[in-house]
N, C-alpha and C. Protein backbone atom coordinates (compact mmCIF):
# COMPACT_ATOMS: atom_id res chain seq x y z
N MET A 1 56.45 7.15 -55.09
CA MET A 1 56.76 5.83 -55.69
C MET A 1 56.63 6.40 -57.66
N ALA A 2 57.64 4.63 -58.32
CA ALA A 2 57.96 4.98 -59.47
C ALA A 2 56.55 5.35 -60.01
N GLU A 3 56.46 5.98 -61.27
CA GLU A 3 55.72 6.18 -62.73
C GLU A 3 54.74 4.56 -62.81
N TYR A 4 54.11 5.01 -63.44
CA TYR A 4 52.64 4.19 -62.79
C TYR A 4 52.83 3.42 -64.80
N LYS A 5 53.38 2.19 -65.37
CA LYS A 5 53.11 2.04 -66.15
C LYS A 5 51.49 1.88 -66.57
N SER A 6 51.89 1.28 -68.37
CA SER A 6 50.12 0.95 -68.57
C SER A 6 50.21 -0.73 -69.31
N SER A 7 49.56 -1.39 -69.76
CA SER A 7 50.23 -2.71 -70.30
C SER A 7 49.62 -1.92 -71.98
N ASP A 8 49.42 -1.17 -72.43
CA ASP A 8 49.51 -0.64 -73.80
C ASP A 8 51.88 -0.54 -73.51
N TYR A 9 51.99 -0.40 -71.98
CA TYR A 9 53.49 0.44 -72.74
C TYR A 9 54.06 -1.00 -72.75
N VAL A 10 53.51 -1.68 -71.82
CA VAL A 10 54.99 -3.12 -72.21
C VAL A 10 54.55 -3.93 -72.78
N ILE A 11 52.92 -3.93 -73.98
CA ILE A 11 53.22 -4.47 -75.21
C ILE A 11 53.71 -3.98 -75.61
N GLY A 12 53.99 -2.76 -75.86
CA GLY A 12 54.65 -2.17 -76.76
C GLY A 12 56.72 -2.15 -76.87
N ILE A 13 56.50 -2.31 -75.53
CA ILE A 13 58.44 -2.97 -75.44
C ILE A 13 58.05 -4.35 -75.74
N VAL A 14 57.36 -5.32 -75.54
CA VAL A 14 58.20 -6.96 -76.35
C VAL A 14 57.21 -6.21 -77.80
N MET A 15 56.62 -5.56 -78.24
CA MET A 15 56.53 -5.74 -80.56
C MET A 15 58.33 -5.21 -80.13
N GLY A 16 58.00 -4.44 -79.51
CA GLY A 16 60.29 -3.86 -80.11
C GLY A 16 60.95 -5.26 -79.73
N LEU A 17 60.56 -6.00 -78.89
CA LEU A 17 61.94 -7.16 -78.47
C LEU A 17 61.90 -8.41 -79.98
N LEU A 18 60.61 -7.80 -80.47
CA LEU A 18 60.21 -9.67 -80.81
C LEU A 18 60.01 -8.62 -83.16
N SER A 19 60.48 -7.10 -82.47
CA SER A 19 60.61 -6.67 -84.02
C SER A 19 61.81 -7.11 -85.69
N SER A 20 62.63 -8.34 -85.29
CA SER A 20 63.06 -8.80 -85.87
C SER A 20 62.09 -10.47 -86.31
N ILE A 21 61.37 -10.39 -85.73
CA ILE A 21 60.12 -10.91 -87.20
C ILE A 21 58.96 -10.49 -88.01
N THR A 22 59.67 -11.10 -88.69
CA THR A 22 58.90 -10.70 -90.01
C THR A 22 57.37 -10.99 -90.10
N LYS A 23 56.77 -11.36 -89.38
CA LYS A 23 55.44 -12.12 -89.64
C LYS A 23 54.21 -10.94 -88.79
N PRO A 24 52.71 -10.90 -89.15
CA PRO A 24 52.12 -9.77 -88.19
C PRO A 24 52.12 -10.29 -87.03
N LYS A 25 51.37 -8.64 -86.36
CA LYS A 25 52.37 -8.58 -84.90
C LYS A 25 50.98 -7.87 -84.52
N TYR A 26 49.97 -8.20 -83.43
CA TYR A 26 49.32 -7.82 -82.81
C TYR A 26 48.79 -7.06 -81.59
N ARG A 27 48.26 -6.51 -81.71
CA ARG A 27 47.67 -6.37 -79.66
C ARG A 27 46.98 -6.75 -79.41
N ASN A 28 46.31 -7.24 -78.16
CA ASN A 28 45.24 -7.81 -77.29
C ASN A 28 44.63 -9.09 -78.41
N ASN A 29 44.62 -8.50 -79.38
CA ASN A 29 43.33 -9.32 -80.47
C ASN A 29 43.55 -9.72 -82.16
N LYS A 30 43.90 -10.54 -82.70
CA LYS A 30 43.80 -10.00 -84.28
C LYS A 30 42.87 -9.90 -85.07
N PRO A 31 42.22 -8.30 -85.56
CA PRO A 31 41.86 -8.66 -86.63
C PRO A 31 40.20 -9.31 -86.61
N THR A 32 39.17 -9.08 -86.76
CA THR A 32 38.15 -10.06 -87.74
C THR A 32 38.57 -9.94 -88.86
N LEU A 33 38.48 -9.05 -89.07
CA LEU A 33 38.79 -9.32 -91.61
C LEU A 33 40.46 -10.23 -92.18
N VAL A 34 41.05 -10.17 -90.51
CA VAL A 34 42.57 -10.46 -91.34
C VAL A 34 42.30 -11.77 -91.15
N GLN A 35 43.21 -12.77 -92.35
CA GLN A 35 43.28 -13.97 -92.28
C GLN A 35 44.78 -14.07 -93.08
N PRO A 36 46.19 -14.19 -92.03
CA PRO A 36 46.92 -14.19 -92.11
C PRO A 36 47.07 -15.80 -91.59
N ASN A 37 48.58 -16.41 -92.12
CA ASN A 37 48.25 -18.26 -92.13
C ASN A 37 49.32 -18.31 -90.55
N GLU A 38 49.85 -17.40 -90.89
CA GLU A 38 50.61 -17.29 -89.11
C GLU A 38 50.73 -15.13 -88.28
N TYR A 39 50.64 -15.76 -87.02
CA TYR A 39 50.58 -14.49 -86.88
C TYR A 39 50.53 -14.45 -85.71
N ILE A 40 51.32 -13.42 -85.16
CA ILE A 40 51.25 -13.19 -82.93
C ILE A 40 50.28 -12.47 -82.65
N VAL A 41 50.01 -13.00 -80.91
CA VAL A 41 49.28 -11.14 -81.11
C VAL A 41 50.12 -11.57 -79.78
N ILE A 42 50.12 -10.58 -78.64
CA ILE A 42 50.44 -10.25 -77.75
C ILE A 42 49.58 -9.56 -76.82
N ASN A 43 49.43 -10.14 -75.73
CA ASN A 43 49.15 -9.18 -74.62
C ASN A 43 49.51 -9.38 -73.39
N THR A 44 48.70 -8.28 -72.28
CA THR A 44 48.74 -8.78 -70.64
C THR A 44 47.86 -8.78 -69.93
N LEU A 45 47.47 -8.90 -68.99
CA LEU A 45 47.03 -9.10 -67.60
C LEU A 45 47.00 -8.18 -66.84
N GLY A 46 46.34 -7.81 -66.17
CA GLY A 46 45.30 -6.53 -66.27
C GLY A 46 46.61 -5.79 -64.62
N ILE A 47 46.77 -4.36 -65.02
CA ILE A 47 47.89 -3.90 -64.50
C ILE A 47 47.74 -2.88 -63.48
N ASN A 48 47.53 -4.11 -61.72
CA ASN A 48 47.26 -2.87 -60.35
C ASN A 48 47.94 -1.20 -60.11
N ALA A 49 47.56 -0.01 -60.66
CA ALA A 49 47.90 0.88 -60.20
C ALA A 49 48.41 0.96 -58.67
N ASP A 50 47.38 0.17 -57.63
CA ASP A 50 48.06 0.70 -56.51
C ASP A 50 48.62 -0.36 -55.71
N THR A 51 49.54 -1.24 -56.68
CA THR A 51 50.66 -2.36 -56.21
C THR A 51 51.46 -2.01 -56.21
N MET A 52 52.75 -2.72 -55.97
CA MET A 52 54.46 -3.23 -57.14
C MET A 52 54.26 -3.42 -58.18
N GLN A 53 53.90 -2.48 -59.44
CA GLN A 53 53.25 -3.55 -60.89
C GLN A 53 54.36 -4.43 -61.71
N LYS A 54 54.11 -5.18 -61.48
CA LYS A 54 53.97 -7.10 -62.09
C LYS A 54 53.51 -7.04 -63.12
N CYS A 55 53.69 -7.54 -64.58
CA CYS A 55 52.78 -7.77 -65.34
C CYS A 55 52.92 -9.40 -66.32
N ARG A 56 52.21 -9.94 -66.69
CA ARG A 56 52.62 -10.94 -66.81
C ARG A 56 52.02 -11.33 -68.43
N VAL A 57 52.77 -10.97 -69.61
CA VAL A 57 52.42 -10.52 -70.79
C VAL A 57 52.54 -12.39 -71.34
N ASN A 58 51.81 -12.95 -72.04
CA ASN A 58 51.57 -13.63 -72.86
C ASN A 58 51.64 -13.22 -74.68
N VAL A 59 52.09 -14.50 -75.17
CA VAL A 59 52.70 -13.52 -76.67
C VAL A 59 52.36 -15.31 -77.56
N ASN A 60 51.07 -15.00 -78.22
CA ASN A 60 50.61 -15.92 -78.49
C ASN A 60 50.80 -16.28 -79.84
N TYR A 61 52.15 -17.22 -80.67
CA TYR A 61 51.94 -17.55 -82.63
C TYR A 61 50.85 -18.52 -82.98
N HIS A 62 50.03 -18.11 -83.43
CA HIS A 62 49.17 -19.04 -84.16
C HIS A 62 49.80 -19.17 -85.67
N VAL A 63 49.19 -20.45 -85.83
CA VAL A 63 49.94 -21.47 -86.62
C VAL A 63 49.08 -21.60 -88.03
N LYS A 64 48.87 -21.25 -89.24
CA LYS A 64 47.29 -22.59 -89.68
C LYS A 64 47.76 -24.07 -89.49
N ASP A 65 46.61 -24.62 -89.61
CA ASP A 65 47.20 -25.88 -90.15
C ASP A 65 46.75 -27.02 -90.65
N ILE A 66 48.49 -27.14 -91.38
CA ILE A 66 48.01 -27.26 -93.14
C ILE A 66 48.20 -28.03 -93.10
N ASN A 67 48.08 -29.58 -92.55
CA ASN A 67 48.07 -30.64 -92.43
C ASN A 67 45.59 -31.13 -92.49
N GLY A 68 45.99 -30.24 -92.00
CA GLY A 68 44.05 -30.88 -92.29
C GLY A 68 44.02 -31.42 -91.45
N GLY A 69 44.52 -31.43 -89.81
CA GLY A 69 44.41 -33.02 -88.94
C GLY A 69 42.73 -32.48 -87.76
N THR A 70 43.29 -32.88 -86.74
CA THR A 70 42.01 -32.98 -86.51
C THR A 70 41.61 -31.33 -85.42
N GLY A 71 42.95 -30.53 -85.66
CA GLY A 71 42.40 -29.09 -84.34
C GLY A 71 41.95 -28.77 -85.67
N VAL A 72 41.53 -27.56 -84.93
CA VAL A 72 40.40 -26.46 -85.89
C VAL A 72 41.08 -24.74 -85.66
N GLY A 73 41.12 -25.36 -86.56
CA GLY A 73 41.33 -23.99 -87.36
C GLY A 73 43.34 -23.32 -87.23
N TYR A 74 43.60 -22.95 -86.16
CA TYR A 74 44.89 -22.89 -86.06
C TYR A 74 45.77 -23.47 -84.80
N ILE A 75 47.70 -23.75 -84.43
CA ILE A 75 47.32 -24.17 -83.33
C ILE A 75 48.39 -23.35 -82.73
N CYS A 76 48.62 -23.40 -81.22
CA CYS A 76 49.29 -21.76 -80.69
C CYS A 76 50.19 -21.81 -80.14
N LYS A 77 51.09 -21.59 -80.07
CA LYS A 77 52.36 -22.24 -79.00
C LYS A 77 52.78 -20.55 -78.47
N ASN A 78 52.13 -20.98 -76.75
CA ASN A 78 52.64 -19.53 -75.58
C ASN A 78 52.88 -19.64 -75.20
N ARG A 79 53.80 -18.28 -74.97
CA ARG A 79 54.83 -18.60 -73.59
C ARG A 79 54.67 -16.92 -73.28
N THR A 80 54.68 -17.97 -71.29
CA THR A 80 54.40 -16.64 -70.22
C THR A 80 55.96 -16.56 -69.68
N ARG A 81 55.21 -14.61 -69.88
CA ARG A 81 57.30 -14.37 -68.84
C ARG A 81 56.44 -13.74 -67.66
N ASN A 82 57.07 -14.27 -66.20
CA ASN A 82 56.75 -12.71 -65.26
C ASN A 82 57.79 -11.60 -65.22
């Protein structure tokens, strides 16, 4: 059986792929006290060690609503890859 990979390992790979993006990037969630205007949160759904490993990775790009529109706080653009 292939070596088990953790979700932290997978997130590290995705963070490496996004290294050219200069916006702050966070694993799993944004720290509460940090208030950037734009940021990226990378997380995964659970990985099961008992079966062939597949992992869904979420890359959420959050941007502050500068128009003060009807949205609350941030607009999130989500991309999910298999």
